[in-house]
Amino acid sequence: MEASLLWFCCLIQDAIDKAITGALDMPPAEYVAGYETGEFTPFNPVDKYTQCTCKNPEGKTIYARKGAPAVMANLHGLSQEVRNRASDIILAKAKHGLRVVGVAVSEDATTWRLLGMTSLFPIVVMISTM
């Protein structure tokens, strides 16, 4: 799967995504050229995530989710190693007063792959189960 944390942020473009993509050297629309966005679920305080369904240039459906770190670190399909690493990152950032946002993707909206956590500072920590 060709998805990345920046890819998701370019795809949705809510306020947090605009803050992240503001540093790109090309317009966000160019970064996701060929992708077609479909159903979008906005953030709500109960589920604590936002989700987008899209199709890649080959027509394959991809589900992307961005949300609260604890929610993202406990998605179905993540290995214990990835969950532990995500927890370490969340705690390390919290010690410095930073909140993080997690991003994950899925091919079936059931089993997820955590792409990363970001604290909206220049450093983006990438996590992958690959």
Protein backbone atom coordinates (compact mmCIF):
# COMPACT_ATOMS: atom_id res chain seq x y z
CA MET A 1 0.00 0.00 0.00
CA GLU A 2 1.44 3.35 -1.08
CA ALA A 3 -0.24 5.36 1.67
CA SER A 4 1.73 7.53 4.06
CA LEU A 5 0.96 9.95 6.85
CA LEU A 6 1.45 12.90 4.48
CA TRP A 7 -0.73 11.21 1.85
CA PHE A 8 -3.63 11.08 4.32
CA CYS A 9 -3.14 14.70 5.35
CA CYS A 10 -3.19 15.78 1.70
CA LEU A 11 -6.30 13.72 1.05
CA ILE A 12 -8.54 15.18 3.77
CA GLN A 13 -7.24 18.72 4.37
CA ASP A 14 -8.98 19.51 7.67
CA ALA A 15 -7.36 22.07 10.00
CA ILE A 16 -4.74 19.65 11.38
CA ASP A 17 -3.91 18.36 7.91
CA LYS A 18 -3.45 21.90 6.59
CA ALA A 19 -0.95 22.56 9.38
CA ILE A 20 1.02 19.45 8.39
CA THR A 21 0.88 19.95 4.62
CA GLY A 22 1.77 23.64 4.83
CA ALA A 23 5.43 22.62 4.76
CA LEU A 24 5.17 20.60 1.53
CA ASP A 25 7.03 21.79 -1.54
CA MET A 26 4.02 21.09 -3.78
CA PRO A 27 0.26 21.57 -3.45
CA PRO A 28 -1.50 18.79 -1.50
CA ALA A 29 -3.76 18.05 -4.50
CA GLU A 30 -0.70 17.07 -6.55
CA TYR A 31 0.46 14.71 -3.80
CA VAL A 32 -2.76 12.69 -4.10
CA ALA A 33 -3.33 13.07 -7.85
CA GLY A 34 -5.30 10.13 -9.21
CA TYR A 35 -6.99 9.32 -5.90
CA GLU A 36 -10.74 9.70 -5.64
CA THR A 37 -12.18 10.48 -2.21
CA GLY A 38 -15.43 8.85 -1.23
CA GLU A 39 -17.20 8.63 2.10
CA PHE A 40 -15.88 10.90 4.83
CA THR A 41 -16.62 10.58 8.55
CA PRO A 42 -15.74 13.78 10.42
CA PHE A 43 -14.12 13.73 13.86
CA ASN A 44 -16.46 13.37 16.82
CA PRO A 45 -15.63 13.30 20.53
CA VAL A 46 -17.12 9.85 21.09
CA ASP A 47 -15.17 7.78 18.53
CA LYS A 48 -12.20 10.20 18.51
CA TYR A 49 -11.21 9.70 14.87
CA THR A 50 -11.97 10.88 11.36
CA GLN A 51 -12.09 8.45 8.45
CA CYS A 52 -12.01 8.66 4.69
CA THR A 53 -12.65 6.05 2.03
CA CYS A 54 -10.87 6.54 -1.27
CA LYS A 55 -9.88 4.73 -4.45
CA ASN A 56 -6.33 4.71 -5.70
CA PRO A 57 -5.51 5.22 -9.40
CA GLU A 58 -5.95 1.46 -10.01
CA GLY A 59 -9.46 1.56 -8.50
CA LYS A 60 -8.59 -0.23 -5.25
CA THR A 61 -10.48 0.98 -2.15
CA ILE A 62 -8.37 2.25 0.75
CA TYR A 63 -9.66 3.31 4.16
CA ALA A 64 -7.69 5.96 6.03
CA ARG A 65 -8.22 6.98 9.64
CA LYS A 66 -6.72 9.77 11.77
CA GLY A 67 -7.42 10.17 15.46
CA ALA A 68 -6.57 10.20 19.12
CA PRO A 69 -3.38 8.26 19.84
CA ALA A 70 -4.89 5.76 22.27
CA VAL A 71 -7.66 4.93 19.79
CA MET A 72 -5.23 4.56 16.89
CA ALA A 73 -2.78 2.44 18.89
CA ASN A 74 -5.52 -0.07 19.68
CA LEU A 75 -6.89 -0.70 16.20
CA HIS A 76 -7.51 -4.29 15.13
CA GLY A 77 -4.62 -5.90 13.30
CA LEU A 78 -1.72 -4.10 14.97
CA SER A 79 1.01 -6.29 16.41
CA GLN A 80 1.89 -6.01 20.08
CA GLU A 81 5.26 -4.61 19.04
CA VAL A 82 3.59 -1.75 17.12
CA ARG A 83 1.16 -1.11 20.01
CA ASN A 84 4.08 -0.92 22.46
CA ARG A 85 6.08 1.41 20.17
CA ALA A 86 3.03 3.67 19.74
CA SER A 87 2.55 3.77 23.52
CA ASP A 88 6.22 4.69 24.01
CA ILE A 89 5.91 7.54 21.50
CA ILE A 90 2.70 8.84 23.11
CA LEU A 91 4.30 8.85 26.57
CA ALA A 92 7.55 10.41 25.35
CA LYS A 93 5.70 13.26 23.65
CA ALA A 94 3.41 13.75 26.66
CA LYS A 95 6.44 14.21 28.93
CA HIS A 96 7.24 17.29 26.84
CA GLY A 97 3.66 18.54 26.93
CA LEU A 98 2.91 17.46 23.37
CA ARG A 99 -0.22 15.76 22.11
CA VAL A 100 -0.02 13.45 19.13
CA VAL A 101 -2.35 12.36 16.36
CA GLY A 102 -2.16 8.88 14.83
CA VAL A 103 -2.83 7.82 11.23
CA ALA A 104 -3.68 4.33 9.99
CA VAL A 105 -4.82 2.68 6.76
CA SER A 106 -6.76 -0.46 5.92
CA GLU A 107 -7.73 -2.36 2.80
CA ASP A 108 -10.91 -3.76 4.39
CA ALA A 109 -11.84 -1.26 7.17
CA THR A 110 -11.23 -4.07 9.67
CA THR A 111 -7.51 -4.80 9.88
CA TRP A 112 -5.37 -1.69 10.18
CA ARG A 113 -1.75 -0.66 9.64
CA LEU A 114 -0.52 2.23 11.78
CA LEU A 115 1.42 4.67 9.58
CA GLY A 116 2.62 7.06 12.23
CA MET A 117 2.13 9.53 15.01
CA THR A 118 2.82 13.23 14.74
CA SER A 119 2.94 16.03 17.28
CA LEU A 120 2.61 18.83 14.69
CA PHE A 121 6.25 19.75 15.06
CA PRO A 122 8.89 19.16 12.36
CA ILE A 123 9.56 15.63 13.57
CA VAL A 124 7.18 12.94 12.31
CA VAL A 125 7.71 9.49 13.82
CA MET A 126 6.82 6.72 11.37
CA ILE A 127 5.65 3.29 12.51
CA SER A 128 5.08 0.42 10.14
CA THR A 129 4.12 -3.22 10.55
CA MET A 130 5.85 -4.13 7.30
